[in-house]
C-alpha atoms as a PDB file:
ATOM      1  CA  MET A   1      90.171  39.033 269.336  1.00  0.00           C
ATOM      2  CA  ARG A   2      87.478  38.001 266.721  1.00  0.00           C
ATOM      3  CA  THR A   3      84.997  38.781 269.648  1.00  0.00           C
ATOM      4  CA  LEU A   4      86.592  42.093 270.353  1.00  0.00           C
ATOM      5  CA  LEU A   5      86.534  42.739 266.479  1.00  0.00           C
ATOM      6  CA  LEU A   6      82.587  41.594 266.251  1.00  0.00           C
ATOM      7  CA  ALA A   7      81.939  43.891 269.457  1.00  0.00           C
ATOM      8  CA  LEU A   8      83.370  46.820 267.821  1.00  0.00           C
ATOM      9  CA  ALA A   9      81.547  46.572 264.507  1.00  0.00           C
ATOM     10  CA  LEU A  10      78.450  46.343 266.531  1.00  0.00           C
ATOM     11  CA  LEU A  11      79.474  49.311 268.414  1.00  0.00           C
ATOM     12  CA  ILE A  12      79.938  51.478 265.304  1.00  0.00           C
ATOM     13  CA  ALA A  13      76.891  49.823 263.495  1.00  0.00           C
ATOM     14  CA  ALA A  14      74.396  50.495 266.184  1.00  0.00           C
ATOM     15  CA  PRO A  15      74.374  54.773 266.467  1.00  0.00           C
ATOM     16  CA  MET A  16      74.181  54.377 262.699  1.00  0.00           C
ATOM     17  CA  THR A  17      71.282  52.040 262.391  1.00  0.00           C
ATOM     18  CA  ALA A  18      69.322  54.216 264.916  1.00  0.00           C
ATOM     19  CA  ILE A  19      70.040  57.250 262.674  1.00  0.00           C
ATOM     20  CA  ALA A  20      68.979  55.610 259.460  1.00  0.00           C
ATOM     21  CA  ALA A  21      65.818  54.173 261.138  1.00  0.00           C
ATOM     22  CA  GLY A  22      64.592  57.513 261.592  1.00  0.00           C
ATOM     23  CA  SER A  23      65.229  59.037 258.169  1.00  0.00           C
ATOM     24  CA  VAL A  24      63.382  59.141 255.247  1.00  0.00           C
ATOM     25  CA  PRO A  25      63.854  60.625 251.816  1.00  0.00           C
ATOM     26  CA  ILE A  26      63.580  64.554 251.966  1.00  0.00           C
ATOM     27  CA  LEU A  27      59.829  65.211 251.059  1.00  0.00           C
ATOM     28  CA  THR A  28      59.618  67.983 248.012  1.00  0.00           C
ATOM     29  CA  ILE A  29      56.479  69.361 247.048  1.00  0.00           C
ATOM     30  CA  THR A  30      56.864  70.547 243.191  1.00  0.00           C
ATOM     31  CA  ASN A  31      54.508  72.704 241.506  1.00  0.00           C
ATOM     32  CA  ARG A  32      51.212  71.801 243.462  1.00  0.00           C
ATOM     33  CA  PRO A  33      48.182  73.358 242.044  1.00  0.00           C
ATOM     34  CA  TYR A  34      45.924  75.019 244.060  1.00  0.00           C
ATOM     35  CA  THR A  35      42.178  76.806 243.772  1.00  0.00           C
ATOM     36  CA  ASN A  36      42.583  80.455 244.778  1.00  0.00           C
ATOM     37  CA  ALA A  37      38.816  80.691 245.140  1.00  0.00           C
ATOM     38  CA  HIS A  38      38.691  83.930 246.694  1.00  0.00           C
ATOM     39  CA  ASN A  39      41.423  85.797 244.539  1.00  0.00           C
ATOM     40  CA  ARG A  40      43.591  86.039 247.474  1.00  0.00           C
ATOM     41  CA  ASP A  41      47.199  87.598 247.337  1.00  0.00           C
ATOM     42  CA  PRO A  42      48.904  84.221 247.198  1.00  0.00           C
ATOM     43  CA  ALA A  43      52.144  85.754 249.215  1.00  0.00           C
ATOM     44  CA  GLU A  44      49.617  86.989 252.133  1.00  0.00           C
ATOM     45  CA  VAL A  45      47.965  83.382 251.962  1.00  0.00           C
ATOM     46  CA  ILE A  46      51.349  81.523 252.315  1.00  0.00           C
ATOM     47  CA  GLU A  47      52.651  83.851 254.984  1.00  0.00           C
ATOM     48  CA  LEU A  48      49.675  83.233 257.132  1.00  0.00           C
ATOM     49  CA  ALA A  49      49.750  79.310 256.698  1.00  0.00           C
ATOM     50  CA  LEU A  50      53.377  79.835 257.626  1.00  0.00           C
ATOM     51  CA  SER A  51      52.841  81.799 260.783  1.00  0.00           C
ATOM     52  CA  ARG A  52      49.896  79.396 261.771  1.00  0.00           C
ATOM     53  CA  ARG A  53      52.536  76.722 261.706  1.00  0.00           C
ATOM     54  CA  LEU A  54      54.832  78.845 263.787  1.00  0.00           C
ATOM     55  CA  TYR A  55      57.158  79.276 260.854  1.00  0.00           C
ATOM     56  CA  ARG A  56      59.526  82.097 260.863  1.00  0.00           C
ATOM     57  CA  ILE A  57      59.857  84.563 257.638  1.00  0.00           C
ATOM     58  CA  THR A  58      63.581  85.144 256.908  1.00  0.00           C
ATOM     59  CA  ALA A  59      62.904  86.545 253.469  1.00  0.00           C
ATOM     60  CA  ARG A  60      60.232  87.654 251.070  1.00  0.00           C
ATOM     61  CA  GLU A  61      60.805  88.560 247.119  1.00  0.00           C
ATOM     62  CA  PRO A  62      57.863  88.033 244.498  1.00  0.00           C
ATOM     63  CA  GLY A  63      57.406  84.424 243.764  1.00  0.00           C
ATOM     64  CA  ARG A  64      59.241  83.157 246.993  1.00  0.00           C
ATOM     65  CA  ILE A  65      59.174  83.404 250.780  1.00  0.00           C
ATOM     66  CA  ASP A  66      62.209  81.674 252.738  1.00  0.00           C
ATOM     67  CA  ALA A  67      61.096  80.529 256.344  1.00  0.00           C
ATOM     68  CA  TYR A  68      62.412  78.255 258.959  1.00  0.00           C
ATOM     69  CA  TYR A  69      61.023  75.792 261.687  1.00  0.00           C
ATOM     70  CA  ALA A  70      62.478  75.311 265.180  1.00  0.00           C
ATOM     71  CA  ALA A  71      61.490  73.139 267.973  1.00  0.00           C
ATOM     72  CA  ARG A  72      64.112  72.322 270.657  1.00  0.00           C
ATOM     73  CA  ASP A  73      66.991  71.774 269.544  1.00  0.00           C
ATOM     74  CA  VAL A  74      66.277  71.143 265.493  1.00  0.00           C
ATOM     75  CA  ARG A  75      65.768  73.617 262.839  1.00  0.00           C
ATOM     76  CA  ALA A  76      64.446  73.177 259.304  1.00  0.00           C
ATOM     77  CA  ASP A  77      64.918  75.789 256.526  1.00  0.00           C
ATOM     78  CA  ILE A  78      62.579  76.054 253.653  1.00  0.00           C
ATOM     79  CA  ARG A  79      61.528  77.811 250.253  1.00  0.00           C
ATOM     80  CA  VAL A  80      58.310  78.580 249.499  1.00  0.00           C
ATOM     81  CA  SER A  81      58.197  79.108 245.439  1.00  0.00           C
ATOM     82  CA  TYR A  82      54.827  80.309 243.955  1.00  0.00           C
ATOM     83  CA  THR A  83      52.825  81.620 241.087  1.00  0.00           C
ATOM     84  CA  ASP A  84      49.328  82.251 240.386  1.00  0.00           C
ATOM     85  CA  SER A  85      48.578  78.821 240.139  1.00  0.00           C
ATOM     86  CA  THR A  86      50.745  76.862 241.789  1.00  0.00           C
ATOM     87  CA  TYR A  87      53.468  76.602 245.027  1.00  0.00           C
ATOM     88  CA  SER A  88      56.630  74.620 245.869  1.00  0.00           C
ATOM     89  CA  ILE A  89      58.055  73.817 249.201  1.00  0.00           C
ATOM     90  CA  THR A  90      61.810  72.684 249.141  1.00  0.00           C
ATOM     91  CA  TYR A  91      64.409  72.089 251.766  1.00  0.00           C
ATOM     92  CA  VAL A  92      67.163  74.391 251.848  1.00  0.00           C
ATOM     93  CA  ASN A  93      69.026  73.660 255.474  1.00  0.00           C
ATOM     94  CA  SER A  94      68.619  72.280 258.637  1.00  0.00           C
ATOM     95  CA  GLN A  95      70.330  71.489 262.010  1.00  0.00           C
ATOM     96  CA  ASN A  96      70.084  68.085 264.367  1.00  0.00           C
ATOM     97  CA  LEU A  97      67.826  66.687 261.286  1.00  0.00           C
ATOM     98  CA  HIS A  98      70.407  64.101 260.420  1.00  0.00           C
ATOM     99  CA  TYR A  99      70.404  65.352 256.916  1.00  0.00           C
ATOM    100  CA  THR A 100      72.233  63.035 254.923  1.00  0.00           C
ATOM    101  CA  GLY A 101      71.784  64.220 251.364  1.00  0.00           C
ATOM    102  CA  PRO A 102      68.906  62.526 250.097  1.00  0.00           C
ATOM    103  CA  ARG A 103      67.339  61.573 253.706  1.00  0.00           C
ATOM    104  CA  ILE A 104      66.392  63.582 256.479  1.00  0.00           C
ATOM    105  CA  ASP A 105      64.485  62.966 260.137  1.00  0.00           C
ATOM    106  CA  ALA A 106      61.110  62.010 259.287  1.00  0.00           C
ATOM    107  CA  HIS A 107      59.968  64.991 261.221  1.00  0.00           C
ATOM    108  CA  TYR A 108      61.013  67.391 258.726  1.00  0.00           C
ATOM    109  CA  ASN A 109      58.497  65.811 256.317  1.00  0.00           C
ATOM    110  CA  HIS A 110      55.826  65.372 258.766  1.00  0.00           C
ATOM    111  CA  TRP A 111      56.356  69.328 259.051  1.00  0.00           C
ATOM    112  CA  VAL A 112      56.066  69.905 255.453  1.00  0.00           C
ATOM    113  CA  ASN A 113      53.104  67.686 254.978  1.00  0.00           C
ATOM    114  CA  ASN A 114      51.106  69.896 257.562  1.00  0.00           C
ATOM    115  CA  LEU A 115      52.229  73.099 255.570  1.00  0.00           C
ATOM    116  CA  ASP A 116      51.190  71.696 252.348  1.00  0.00           C
ATOM    117  CA  HIS A 117      47.765  70.443 254.254  1.00  0.00           C
ATOM    118  CA  ASP A 118      47.494  74.228 255.533  1.00  0.00           C
ATOM    119  CA  LEU A 119      48.062  76.020 252.446  1.00  0.00           C
ATOM    120  CA  GLN A 120      45.516  74.241 250.202  1.00  0.00           C
ATOM    121  CA  LEU A 121      43.039  74.822 252.870  1.00  0.00           C
ATOM    122  CA  GLU A 122      43.924  78.361 253.498  1.00  0.00           C
ATOM    123  CA  PHE A 123      43.632  79.253 249.485  1.00  0.00           C
ATOM    124  CA  ALA A 124      40.189  77.570 249.490  1.00  0.00           C
ATOM    125  CA  ALA A 125      39.044  79.662 252.253  1.00  0.00           C
ATOM    126  CA  PRO A 126      37.769  83.304 252.329  1.00  0.00           C
ATOM    127  CA  ALA A 127      40.316  85.733 253.680  1.00  0.00           C
ATOM    128  CA  PRO A 128      39.934  86.040 257.714  1.00  0.00           C
ATOM    129  CA  PRO A 129      38.544  89.376 258.783  1.00  0.00           C
ATOM    130  CA  PRO A 130      40.928  92.427 259.625  1.00  0.00           C
ATOM    131  CA  THR A 131      42.182  92.367 263.087  1.00  0.00           C
ATOM    132  CA  LEU A 132      40.864  95.449 265.271  1.00  0.00           C
ATOM    133  CA  ALA A 133      42.772  96.804 268.017  1.00  0.00           C
ATOM    134  CA  THR A 134      40.148  96.318 271.152  1.00  0.00           C
ATOM    135  CA  PRO A 135      40.418  99.241 273.531  1.00  0.00           C
ATOM    136  CA  PRO A 136      41.175  98.005 277.011  1.00  0.00           C
ATOM    137  CA  PRO A 137      37.792  97.811 278.866  1.00  0.00           C
ATOM    138  CA  THR A 138      36.979 101.198 280.982  1.00  0.00           C
ATOM    139  CA  THR A 139      36.397 101.403 284.684  1.00  0.00           C
ATOM    140  CA  PRO A 140      33.816 104.077 285.449  1.00  0.00           C
ATOM    141  CA  ALA A 141      35.103 106.531 287.681  1.00  0.00           C
ATOM    142  CA  PRO A 142      33.726 106.290 291.514  1.00  0.00           C
ATOM    143  CA  ALA A 143      30.717 108.111 292.230  1.00  0.00           C
ATOM    144  CA  GLN A 144      31.469 110.971 294.417  1.00  0.00           C
END
């Protein structure tokens, strides 16, 4: 009986340990200052960085952009709040990232760190040139 109880306890504890092993405290970027060296529109800079990291924007308001990142069977919803000199990246919701209140799968923090880094680089860079639609190449008419 004692062996059976020990085996049962291990069966219950093993999956919980596996989930907890990959979980970390949720990373929140709060009021990160940025240098807008080229006086770019903060909303455009943030949207560009989000799109380059394959986030999909779900809502836009002055001072706030909501977006989500999805890969395979996981999804992370975030909010990027901003002013003329700072931005914040906060957790909103997730699916299949083992969210337990203060903890989440480590992938989430990796994604937030990448976005934070990209935002710093993007604010420091000049605006990208506008994209021009290139007409398809023309094929000369056959000679007659």
